[in-house]
PDB file of all heavy atoms in Angstrom:
ATOM      1  N   PRO A   1    -195.369 -51.968 -21.151  1.00  0.00           N
ATOM      2  CA  PRO A   1    -193.947 -52.180 -21.052  1.00  0.00           C
ATOM      3  C   PRO A   1    -193.486 -52.607 -19.661  1.00  0.00           C
ATOM      4  O   PRO A   1    -192.371 -53.072 -19.458  1.00  0.00           O
ATOM      5  CB  PRO A   1    -193.334 -50.846 -21.480  1.00  0.00           C
ATOM      6  CG  PRO A   1    -194.424 -49.876 -21.641  1.00  0.00           C
ATOM      7  CD  PRO A   1    -195.735 -50.608 -21.506  1.00  0.00           C
ATOM      8  N   GLY A   2    -194.335 -52.442 -18.667  1.00  0.00           N
ATOM      9  CA  GLY A   2    -194.051 -52.851 -17.291  1.00  0.00           C
ATOM     10  C   GLY A   2    -194.321 -54.299 -17.028  1.00  0.00           C
ATOM     11  O   GLY A   2    -194.045 -54.817 -15.924  1.00  0.00           O
ATOM     12  N   CYS A   3    -194.824 -55.013 -18.026  1.00  0.00           N
ATOM     13  CA  CYS A   3    -195.055 -56.467 -17.884  1.00  0.00           C
ATOM     14  C   CYS A   3    -193.739 -57.130 -17.527  1.00  0.00           C
ATOM     15  O   CYS A   3    -192.703 -56.742 -18.025  1.00  0.00           O
ATOM     16  CB  CYS A   3    -195.605 -56.972 -19.240  1.00  0.00           C
ATOM     17  SG  CYS A   3    -196.080 -58.714 -19.218  1.00  0.00           S
ATOM     18  N   PRO A   4    -193.741 -58.091 -16.634  1.00  0.00           N
ATOM     19  CA  PRO A   4    -192.476 -58.765 -16.236  1.00  0.00           C
ATOM     20  C   PRO A   4    -191.706 -59.275 -17.458  1.00  0.00           C
ATOM     21  O   PRO A   4    -192.271 -59.801 -18.395  1.00  0.00           O
ATOM     22  CB  PRO A   4    -192.937 -59.915 -15.347  1.00  0.00           C
ATOM     23  CG  PRO A   4    -194.263 -59.491 -14.849  1.00  0.00           C
ATOM     24  CD  PRO A   4    -194.900 -58.688 -15.941  1.00  0.00           C
ATOM     25  N   ASP A   5    -190.397 -59.132 -17.384  1.00  0.00           N
ATOM     26  CA  ASP A   5    -189.539 -59.611 -18.466  1.00  0.00           C
ATOM     27  C   ASP A   5    -189.597 -61.140 -18.610  1.00  0.00           C
ATOM     28  O   ASP A   5    -189.581 -61.671 -19.751  1.00  0.00           O
ATOM     29  CB  ASP A   5    -188.053 -59.241 -18.225  1.00  0.00           C
ATOM     30  CG  ASP A   5    -187.758 -57.786 -18.375  1.00  0.00           C
ATOM     31  OD1 ASP A   5    -188.584 -57.059 -19.015  1.00  0.00           O
ATOM     32  OD2 ASP A   5    -186.759 -57.319 -17.804  1.00  0.00           O
ATOM     33  N   VAL A   6    -189.722 -61.831 -17.481  1.00  0.00           N
ATOM     34  CA  VAL A   6    -189.778 -63.301 -17.520  1.00  0.00           C
ATOM     35  C   VAL A   6    -190.941 -63.763 -16.702  1.00  0.00           C
ATOM     36  O   VAL A   6    -191.091 -63.390 -15.528  1.00  0.00           O
ATOM     37  CB  VAL A   6    -188.478 -63.921 -16.972  1.00  0.00           C
ATOM     38  CG1 VAL A   6    -188.572 -65.451 -16.947  1.00  0.00           C
ATOM     39  CG2 VAL A   6    -187.251 -63.448 -17.745  1.00  0.00           C
ATOM     40  N   LEU A   7    -191.804 -64.548 -17.316  1.00  0.00           N
ATOM     41  CA  LEU A   7    -192.883 -65.241 -16.614  1.00  0.00           C
ATOM     42  C   LEU A   7    -192.481 -66.734 -16.718  1.00  0.00           C
ATOM     43  O   LEU A   7    -192.474 -67.293 -17.785  1.00  0.00           O
ATOM     44  CB  LEU A   7    -194.226 -64.947 -17.289  1.00  0.00           C
ATOM     45  CG  LEU A   7    -194.631 -63.499 -17.231  1.00  0.00           C
ATOM     46  CD1 LEU A   7    -195.828 -63.260 -18.162  1.00  0.00           C
ATOM     47  CD2 LEU A   7    -194.966 -63.111 -15.781  1.00  0.00           C
ATOM     48  N   GLN A   8    -192.235 -67.333 -15.605  1.00  0.00           N
ATOM     49  CA  GLN A   8    -191.644 -68.684 -15.606  1.00  0.00           C
ATOM     50  C   GLN A   8    -192.537 -69.714 -14.960  1.00  0.00           C
ATOM     51  O   GLN A   8    -193.170 -69.463 -13.913  1.00  0.00           O
ATOM     52  CB  GLN A   8    -190.323 -68.624 -14.860  1.00  0.00           C
ATOM     53  CG  GLN A   8    -189.446 -69.808 -15.118  1.00  0.00           C
ATOM     54  CD  GLN A   8    -188.003 -69.512 -14.846  1.00  0.00           C
ATOM     55  OE1 GLN A   8    -187.660 -68.528 -14.224  1.00  0.00           O
ATOM     56  NE2 GLN A   8    -187.124 -70.359 -15.358  1.00  0.00           N
ATOM     57  N   ASN A   9    -192.577 -70.892 -15.606  1.00  0.00           N
ATOM     58  CA  ASN A   9    -193.212 -72.095 -15.054  1.00  0.00           C
ATOM     59  C   ASN A   9    -194.693 -71.938 -14.808  1.00  0.00           C
ATOM     60  O   ASN A   9    -195.196 -72.443 -13.797  1.00  0.00           O
ATOM     61  CB  ASN A   9    -192.496 -72.574 -13.804  1.00  0.00           C
ATOM     62  CG  ASN A   9    -191.080 -72.976 -14.085  1.00  0.00           C
ATOM     63  OD1 ASN A   9    -190.777 -73.513 -15.122  1.00  0.00           O
ATOM     64  ND2 ASN A   9    -190.183 -72.748 -13.159  1.00  0.00           N
ATOM     65  N   TYR A  10    -195.384 -71.208 -15.651  1.00  0.00           N
ATOM     66  CA  TYR A  10    -196.848 -71.095 -15.433  1.00  0.00           C
ATOM     67  C   TYR A  10    -197.534 -72.265 -16.149  1.00  0.00           C
ATOM     68  O   TYR A  10    -197.107 -72.761 -17.196  1.00  0.00           O
ATOM     69  CB  TYR A  10    -197.391 -69.722 -15.894  1.00  0.00           C
ATOM     70  CG  TYR A  10    -197.138 -69.343 -17.339  1.00  0.00           C
ATOM     71  CD1 TYR A  10    -198.114 -69.693 -18.305  1.00  0.00           C
ATOM     72  CD2 TYR A  10    -196.021 -68.653 -17.733  1.00  0.00           C
ATOM     73  CE1 TYR A  10    -197.918 -69.329 -19.620  1.00  0.00           C
ATOM     74  CE2 TYR A  10    -195.829 -68.309 -19.031  1.00  0.00           C
ATOM     75  CZ  TYR A  10    -196.796 -68.639 -19.987  1.00  0.00           C
ATOM     76  OH  TYR A  10    -196.571 -68.273 -21.280  1.00  0.00           O
ATOM     77  N   PRO A  11    -198.605 -72.773 -15.526  1.00  0.00           N
ATOM     78  CA  PRO A  11    -199.309 -73.952 -16.068  1.00  0.00           C
ATOM     79  C   PRO A  11    -200.206 -73.563 -17.297  1.00  0.00           C
ATOM     80  O   PRO A  11    -200.663 -72.446 -17.393  1.00  0.00           O
ATOM     81  CB  PRO A  11    -200.164 -74.450 -14.916  1.00  0.00           C
ATOM     82  CG  PRO A  11    -200.424 -73.210 -14.116  1.00  0.00           C
ATOM     83  CD  PRO A  11    -199.208 -72.354 -14.266  1.00  0.00           C
ATOM     84  N   GLY A  12    -200.417 -74.564 -18.144  1.00  0.00           N
ATOM     85  CA  GLY A  12    -201.259 -74.383 -19.285  1.00  0.00           C
ATOM     86  C   GLY A  12    -201.603 -75.754 -19.839  1.00  0.00           C
ATOM     87  O   GLY A  12    -201.308 -76.794 -19.246  1.00  0.00           O
ATOM     88  N   HIS A  13    -202.239 -75.749 -20.991  1.00  0.00           N
ATOM     89  CA  HIS A  13    -202.593 -76.989 -21.679  1.00  0.00           C
ATOM     90  C   HIS A  13    -202.426 -76.815 -23.170  1.00  0.00           C
ATOM     91  O   HIS A  13    -202.624 -75.700 -23.699  1.00  0.00           O
ATOM     92  CB  HIS A  13    -204.047 -77.408 -21.370  1.00  0.00           C
ATOM     93  CG  HIS A  13    -204.256 -77.822 -19.999  1.00  0.00           C
ATOM     94  ND1 HIS A  13    -204.496 -76.992 -18.954  1.00  0.00           N
ATOM     95  CD2 HIS A  13    -204.225 -79.040 -19.466  1.00  0.00           C
ATOM     96  CE1 HIS A  13    -204.655 -77.662 -17.866  1.00  0.00           C
ATOM     97  NE2 HIS A  13    -204.481 -78.961 -18.118  1.00  0.00           N
ATOM     98  N   PHE A  14    -202.024 -77.881 -23.849  1.00  0.00           N
ATOM     99  CA  PHE A  14    -202.019 -77.863 -25.316  1.00  0.00           C
ATOM    100  C   PHE A  14    -203.441 -78.106 -25.787  1.00  0.00           C
ATOM    101  O   PHE A  14    -204.323 -78.550 -25.015  1.00  0.00           O
ATOM    102  CB  PHE A  14    -201.088 -79.001 -25.818  1.00  0.00           C
ATOM    103  CG  PHE A  14    -199.676 -78.725 -25.513  1.00  0.00           C
ATOM    104  CD1 PHE A  14    -198.982 -79.474 -24.549  1.00  0.00           C
ATOM    105  CD2 PHE A  14    -198.941 -77.708 -26.172  1.00  0.00           C
ATOM    106  CE1 PHE A  14    -197.636 -79.209 -24.280  1.00  0.00           C
ATOM    107  CE2 PHE A  14    -197.649 -77.421 -25.894  1.00  0.00           C
ATOM    108  CZ  PHE A  14    -196.971 -78.178 -24.946  1.00  0.00           C
ATOM    109  N   PRO A  15    -203.735 -77.809 -27.049  1.00  0.00           N
ATOM    110  CA  PRO A  15    -205.102 -77.949 -27.570  1.00  0.00           C
ATOM    111  C   PRO A  15    -205.731 -79.345 -27.326  1.00  0.00           C
ATOM    112  O   PRO A  15    -206.937 -79.455 -27.167  1.00  0.00           O
ATOM    113  CB  PRO A  15    -204.976 -77.640 -29.049  1.00  0.00           C
ATOM    114  CG  PRO A  15    -203.787 -76.724 -29.113  1.00  0.00           C
ATOM    115  CD  PRO A  15    -202.874 -77.206 -28.065  1.00  0.00           C
ATOM    116  N   ASP A  16    -204.891 -80.378 -27.273  1.00  0.00           N
ATOM    117  CA  ASP A  16    -205.399 -81.723 -27.125  1.00  0.00           C
ATOM    118  C   ASP A  16    -205.600 -82.086 -25.632  1.00  0.00           C
ATOM    119  O   ASP A  16    -205.932 -83.208 -25.267  1.00  0.00           O
ATOM    120  CB  ASP A  16    -204.527 -82.779 -27.800  1.00  0.00           C
ATOM    121  CG  ASP A  16    -203.146 -82.832 -27.236  1.00  0.00           C
ATOM    122  OD1 ASP A  16    -202.830 -82.150 -26.238  1.00  0.00           O
ATOM    123  OD2 ASP A  16    -202.333 -83.616 -27.798  1.00  0.00           O
ATOM    124  N   GLY A  17    -205.364 -81.128 -24.696  1.00  0.00           N
ATOM    125  CA  GLY A  17    -205.596 -81.365 -23.298  1.00  0.00           C
ATOM    126  C   GLY A  17    -204.367 -81.733 -22.494  1.00  0.00           C
ATOM    127  O   GLY A  17    -204.414 -81.749 -21.288  1.00  0.00           O
ATOM    128  N   ARG A  18    -203.251 -82.077 -23.167  1.00  0.00           N
ATOM    129  CA  ARG A  18    -202.066 -82.382 -22.376  1.00  0.00           C
ATOM    130  C   ARG A  18    -201.596 -81.194 -21.574  1.00  0.00           C
ATOM    131  O   ARG A  18    -201.624 -80.052 -22.056  1.00  0.00           O
ATOM    132  CB  ARG A  18    -200.896 -82.790 -23.352  1.00  0.00           C
ATOM    133  CG  ARG A  18    -201.073 -84.151 -23.973  1.00  0.00           C
ATOM    134  CD  ARG A  18    -199.975 -84.409 -24.968  1.00  0.00           C
ATOM    135  NE  ARG A  18    -200.145 -83.444 -26.071  1.00  0.00           N
ATOM    136  CZ  ARG A  18    -199.166 -82.984 -26.841  1.00  0.00           C
ATOM    137  NH1 ARG A  18    -197.927 -83.364 -26.632  1.00  0.00           N
ATOM    138  NH2 ARG A  18    -199.425 -82.100 -27.796  1.00  0.00           N
ATOM    139  N   PRO A  19    -201.145 -81.506 -20.343  1.00  0.00           N
ATOM    140  CA  PRO A  19    -200.689 -80.370 -19.509  1.00  0.00           C
ATOM    141  C   PRO A  19    -199.314 -79.830 -19.987  1.00  0.00           C
ATOM    142  O   PRO A  19    -198.504 -80.564 -20.522  1.00  0.00           O
ATOM    143  CB  PRO A  19    -200.527 -81.019 -18.142  1.00  0.00           C
ATOM    144  CG  PRO A  19    -200.254 -82.460 -18.414  1.00  0.00           C
ATOM    145  CD  PRO A  19    -201.074 -82.757 -19.668  1.00  0.00           C
ATOM    146  N   ALA A  20    -199.155 -78.526 -19.813  1.00  0.00           N
ATOM    147  CA  ALA A  20    -197.906 -77.862 -20.246  1.00  0.00           C
ATOM    148  C   ALA A  20    -197.416 -76.984 -19.104  1.00  0.00           C
ATOM    149  O   ALA A  20    -198.225 -76.532 -18.265  1.00  0.00           O
ATOM    150  CB  ALA A  20    -198.156 -77.028 -21.476  1.00  0.00           C
ATOM    151  N   LYS A  21    -196.132 -76.789 -19.078  1.00  0.00           N
ATOM    152  CA  LYS A  21    -195.523 -75.772 -18.212  1.00  0.00           C
ATOM    153  C   LYS A  21    -194.791 -74.802 -19.161  1.00  0.00           C
ATOM    154  O   LYS A  21    -194.045 -75.278 -20.041  1.00  0.00           O
ATOM    155  CB  LYS A  21    -194.573 -76.435 -17.230  1.00  0.00           C
ATOM    156  CG  LYS A  21    -193.921 -75.426 -16.308  1.00  0.00           C
ATOM    157  CD  LYS A  21    -193.255 -76.008 -15.112  1.00  0.00           C
ATOM    158  CE  LYS A  21    -192.249 -77.107 -15.344  1.00  0.00           C
ATOM    159  NZ  LYS A  21    -191.451 -77.433 -14.126  1.00  0.00           N
ATOM    160  N   SER A  22    -195.023 -73.512 -18.972  1.00  0.00           N
ATOM    161  CA  SER A  22    -194.496 -72.550 -19.937  1.00  0.00           C
ATOM    162  C   SER A  22    -193.642 -71.488 -19.283  1.00  0.00           C
ATOM    163  O   SER A  22    -193.854 -71.161 -18.123  1.00  0.00           O
ATOM    164  CB  SER A  22    -195.652 -71.897 -20.688  1.00  0.00           C
ATOM    165  OG  SER A  22    -196.415 -72.847 -21.390  1.00  0.00           O
ATOM    166  N   THR A  23    -192.754 -70.939 -20.097  1.00  0.00           N
ATOM    167  CA  THR A  23    -191.952 -69.810 -19.692  1.00  0.00           C
ATOM    168  C   THR A  23    -191.942 -68.832 -20.869  1.00  0.00           C
ATOM    169  O   THR A  23    -191.763 -69.276 -22.004  1.00  0.00           O
ATOM    170  CB  THR A  23    -190.521 -70.246 -19.324  1.00  0.00           C
ATOM    171  OG1 THR A  23    -190.586 -71.011 -18.136  1.00  0.00           O
ATOM    172  CG2 THR A  23    -189.613 -69.024 -19.088  1.00  0.00           C
ATOM    173  N   SER A  24    -192.124 -67.585 -20.606  1.00  0.00           N
ATOM    174  CA  SER A  24    -192.132 -66.549 -21.665  1.00  0.00           C
ATOM    175  C   SER A  24    -191.078 -65.497 -21.266  1.00  0.00           C
ATOM    176  O   SER A  24    -191.140 -64.942 -20.182  1.00  0.00           O
ATOM    177  CB  SER A  24    -193.481 -65.935 -21.765  1.00  0.00           C
ATOM    178  OG  SER A  24    -193.498 -64.911 -22.761  1.00  0.00           O
ATOM    179  N   ILE A  25    -190.193 -65.206 -22.197  1.00  0.00           N
ATOM    180  CA  ILE A  25    -189.086 -64.265 -21.978  1.00  0.00           C
ATOM    181  C   ILE A  25    -189.337 -63.078 -22.932  1.00  0.00           C
ATOM    182  O   ILE A  25    -189.238 -63.283 -24.134  1.00  0.00           O
ATOM    183  CB  ILE A  25    -187.730 -64.899 -22.242  1.00  0.00           C
ATOM    184  CG1 ILE A  25    -187.577 -66.149 -21.389  1.00  0.00           C
ATOM    185  CG2 ILE A  25    -186.627 -63.907 -22.004  1.00  0.00           C
ATOM    186  CD1 ILE A  25    -186.556 -67.146 -21.917  1.00  0.00           C
ATOM    187  N   GLY A  26    -189.586 -61.913 -22.368  1.00  0.00           N
ATOM    188  CA  GLY A  26    -189.789 -60.736 -23.155  1.00  0.00           C
ATOM    189  C   GLY A  26    -188.465 -60.148 -23.603  1.00  0.00           C
ATOM    190  O   GLY A  26    -187.468 -60.165 -22.835  1.00  0.00           O
ATOM    191  N   ILE A  27    -188.405 -59.694 -24.837  1.00  0.00           N
ATOM    192  CA  ILE A  27    -187.158 -59.096 -25.386  1.00  0.00           C
ATOM    193  C   ILE A  27    -187.478 -57.620 -25.720  1.00  0.00           C
ATOM    194  O   ILE A  27    -188.380 -57.349 -26.533  1.00  0.00           O
ATOM    195  CB  ILE A  27    -186.692 -59.877 -26.641  1.00  0.00           C
ATOM    196  CG1 ILE A  27    -186.388 -61.303 -26.280  1.00  0.00           C
ATOM    197  CG2 ILE A  27    -185.490 -59.187 -27.278  1.00  0.00           C
ATOM    198  CD1 ILE A  27    -186.168 -62.234 -27.452  1.00  0.00           C
ATOM    199  N   LYS A  28    -186.767 -56.740 -25.061  1.00  0.00           N
ATOM    200  CA  LYS A  28    -186.960 -55.307 -25.299  1.00  0.00           C
ATOM    201  C   LYS A  28    -185.850 -54.692 -26.160  1.00  0.00           C
ATOM    202  O   LYS A  28    -184.734 -55.214 -26.139  1.00  0.00           O
ATOM    203  CB  LYS A  28    -186.947 -54.555 -23.957  1.00  0.00           C
ATOM    204  CG  LYS A  28    -188.159 -54.827 -23.075  1.00  0.00           C
ATOM    205  CD  LYS A  28    -188.108 -54.019 -21.835  1.00  0.00           C
ATOM    206  CE  LYS A  28    -189.309 -54.247 -20.945  1.00  0.00           C
ATOM    207  NZ  LYS A  28    -189.219 -53.494 -19.683  1.00  0.00           N
ATOM    208  N   ASN A  29    -186.203 -53.680 -26.873  1.00  0.00           N
ATOM    209  CA  ASN A  29    -185.203 -52.974 -27.655  1.00  0.00           C
ATOM    210  C   ASN A  29    -184.510 -51.903 -26.849  1.00  0.00           C
ATOM    211  O   ASN A  29    -184.843 -51.729 -25.662  1.00  0.00           O
ATOM    212  CB  ASN A  29    -185.805 -52.436 -28.976  1.00  0.00           C
ATOM    213  CG  ASN A  29    -186.868 -51.396 -28.752  1.00  0.00           C
ATOM    214  OD1 ASN A  29    -187.101 -50.928 -27.647  1.00  0.00           O
ATOM    215  ND2 ASN A  29    -187.517 -51.008 -29.819  1.00  0.00           N
ATOM    216  N   ARG A  30    -183.696 -51.138 -27.465  1.00  0.00           N
ATOM    217  CA  ARG A  30    -182.951 -50.072 -26.797  1.00  0.00           C
ATOM    218  C   ARG A  30    -183.865 -49.031 -26.139  1.00  0.00           C
ATOM    219  O   ARG A  30    -183.550 -48.511 -25.118  1.00  0.00           O
ATOM    220  CB  ARG A  30    -182.063 -49.377 -27.816  1.00  0.00           C
ATOM    221  CG  ARG A  30    -181.177 -48.296 -27.261  1.00  0.00           C
ATOM    222  CD  ARG A  30    -180.412 -47.556 -28.331  1.00  0.00           C
ATOM    223  NE  ARG A  30    -179.609 -48.454 -29.126  1.00  0.00           N
ATOM    224  CZ  ARG A  30    -178.288 -48.573 -29.038  1.00  0.00           C
ATOM    225  NH1 ARG A  30    -177.652 -47.842 -28.161  1.00  0.00           N
ATOM    226  NH2 ARG A  30    -177.644 -49.415 -29.778  1.00  0.00           N
ATOM    227  N   GLU A  31    -185.044 -48.823 -26.744  1.00  0.00           N
ATOM    228  CA  GLU A  31    -186.001 -47.848 -26.192  1.00  0.00           C
ATOM    229  C   GLU A  31    -186.843 -48.406 -25.019  1.00  0.00           C
ATOM    230  O   GLU A  31    -187.652 -47.702 -24.455  1.00  0.00           O
ATOM    231  CB  GLU A  31    -186.966 -47.375 -27.289  1.00  0.00           C
ATOM    232  CG  GLU A  31    -186.285 -46.469 -28.323  1.00  0.00           C
ATOM    233  CD  GLU A  31    -185.499 -47.241 -29.352  1.00  0.00           C
ATOM    234  OE1 GLU A  31    -185.957 -48.348 -29.742  1.00  0.00           O
ATOM    235  OE2 GLU A  31    -184.442 -46.778 -29.801  1.00  0.00           O
ATOM    236  N   GLY A  32    -186.630 -49.687 -24.704  1.00  0.00           N
ATOM    237  CA  GLY A  32    -187.365 -50.290 -23.571  1.00  0.00           C
ATOM    238  C   GLY A  32    -188.719 -50.817 -23.965  1.00  0.00           C
ATOM    239  O   GLY A  32    -189.535 -51.125 -23.122  1.00  0.00           O
ATOM    240  N   ARG A  33    -188.988 -50.943 -25.298  1.00  0.00           N
ATOM    241  CA  ARG A  33    -190.281 -51.444 -25.781  1.00  0.00           C
ATOM    242  C   ARG A  33    -190.124 -52.953 -26.094  1.00  0.00           C
ATOM    243  O   ARG A  33    -189.134 -53.367 -26.747  1.00  0.00           O
ATOM    244  CB  ARG A  33    -190.646 -50.643 -27.049  1.00  0.00           C
ATOM    245  CG  ARG A  33    -192.002 -50.993 -27.634  1.00  0.00           C
ATOM    246  CD  ARG A  33    -192.383 -50.083 -28.763  1.00  0.00           C
ATOM    247  NE  ARG A  33    -191.363 -49.930 -29.765  1.00  0.00           N
ATOM    248  CZ  ARG A  33    -191.198 -50.704 -30.845  1.00  0.00           C
ATOM    249  NH1 ARG A  33    -192.043 -51.685 -31.081  1.00  0.00           N
ATOM    250  NH2 ARG A  33    -190.237 -50.509 -31.683  1.00  0.00           N
ATOM    251  N   TYR A  34    -191.121 -53.728 -25.718  1.00  0.00           N
ATOM    252  CA  TYR A  34    -191.112 -55.162 -26.097  1.00  0.00           C
ATOM    253  C   TYR A  34    -191.265 -55.315 -27.582  1.00  0.00           C
ATOM    254  O   TYR A  34    -192.211 -54.813 -28.153  1.00  0.00           O
ATOM    255  CB  TYR A  34    -192.183 -55.929 -25.368  1.00  0.00           C
ATOM    256  CG  TYR A  34    -191.931 -56.240 -23.931  1.00  0.00           C
ATOM    257  CD1 TYR A  34    -192.672 -55.660 -22.916  1.00  0.00           C
ATOM    258  CD2 TYR A  34    -190.919 -57.125 -23.577  1.00  0.00           C
ATOM    259  CE1 TYR A  34    -192.413 -55.962 -21.590  1.00  0.00           C
ATOM    260  CE2 TYR A  34    -190.674 -57.403 -22.260  1.00  0.00           C
ATOM    261  CZ  TYR A  34    -191.418 -56.824 -21.266  1.00  0.00           C
ATOM    262  OH  TYR A  34    -191.137 -57.116 -19.971  1.00  0.00           O
ATOM    263  N   ILE A  35    -190.292 -56.010 -28.200  1.00  0.00           N
ATOM    264  CA  ILE A  35    -190.410 -56.262 -29.613  1.00  0.00           C
ATOM    265  C   ILE A  35    -190.572 -57.741 -29.932  1.00  0.00           C
ATOM    266  O   ILE A  35    -190.936 -58.113 -31.046  1.00  0.00           O
ATOM    267  CB  ILE A  35    -189.162 -55.725 -30.379  1.00  0.00           C
ATOM    268  CG1 ILE A  35    -187.877 -56.384 -29.886  1.00  0.00           C
ATOM    269  CG2 ILE A  35    -189.128 -54.216 -30.326  1.00  0.00           C
ATOM    270  CD1 ILE A  35    -186.718 -56.246 -30.829  1.00  0.00           C
ATOM    271  N   ALA A  36    -190.323 -58.577 -28.927  1.00  0.00           N
ATOM    272  CA  ALA A  36    -190.418 -60.033 -29.158  1.00  0.00           C
ATOM    273  C   ALA A  36    -190.598 -60.753 -27.816  1.00  0.00           C
ATOM    274  O   ALA A  36    -190.389 -60.186 -26.751  1.00  0.00           O
ATOM    275  CB  ALA A  36    -189.127 -60.527 -29.802  1.00  0.00           C
ATOM    276  N   ALA A  37    -191.044 -61.972 -27.933  1.00  0.00           N
ATOM    277  CA  ALA A  37    -191.098 -62.855 -26.792  1.00  0.00           C
ATOM    278  C   ALA A  37    -190.630 -64.281 -27.250  1.00  0.00           C
ATOM    279  O   ALA A  37    -191.041 -64.759 -28.295  1.00  0.00           O
ATOM    280  CB  ALA A  37    -192.504 -62.960 -26.241  1.00  0.00           C
ATOM    281  N   LEU A  38    -189.760 -64.840 -26.474  1.00  0.00           N
ATOM    282  CA  LEU A  38    -189.288 -66.200 -26.713  1.00  0.00           C
ATOM    283  C   LEU A  38    -190.012 -67.079 -25.694  1.00  0.00           C
ATOM    284  O   LEU A  38    -189.827 -66.883 -24.457  1.00  0.00           O
ATOM    285  CB  LEU A  38    -187.772 -66.290 -26.553  1.00  0.00           C
ATOM    286  CG  LEU A  38    -187.108 -67.614 -26.869  1.00  0.00           C
ATOM    287  CD1 LEU A  38    -187.325 -67.988 -28.335  1.00  0.00           C
ATOM    288  CD2 LEU A  38    -185.632 -67.569 -26.526  1.00  0.00           C
TER     289      LEU A  38
END
């Protein structure tokens, strides 16, 4: 649950090799537990 809420602009690749830039936004519930990521 201490994982950063937002990880922004990290590099990656799609399966076909194209470069990607990604952002992951964690969504926590009232109890502070991650229930989703956008």
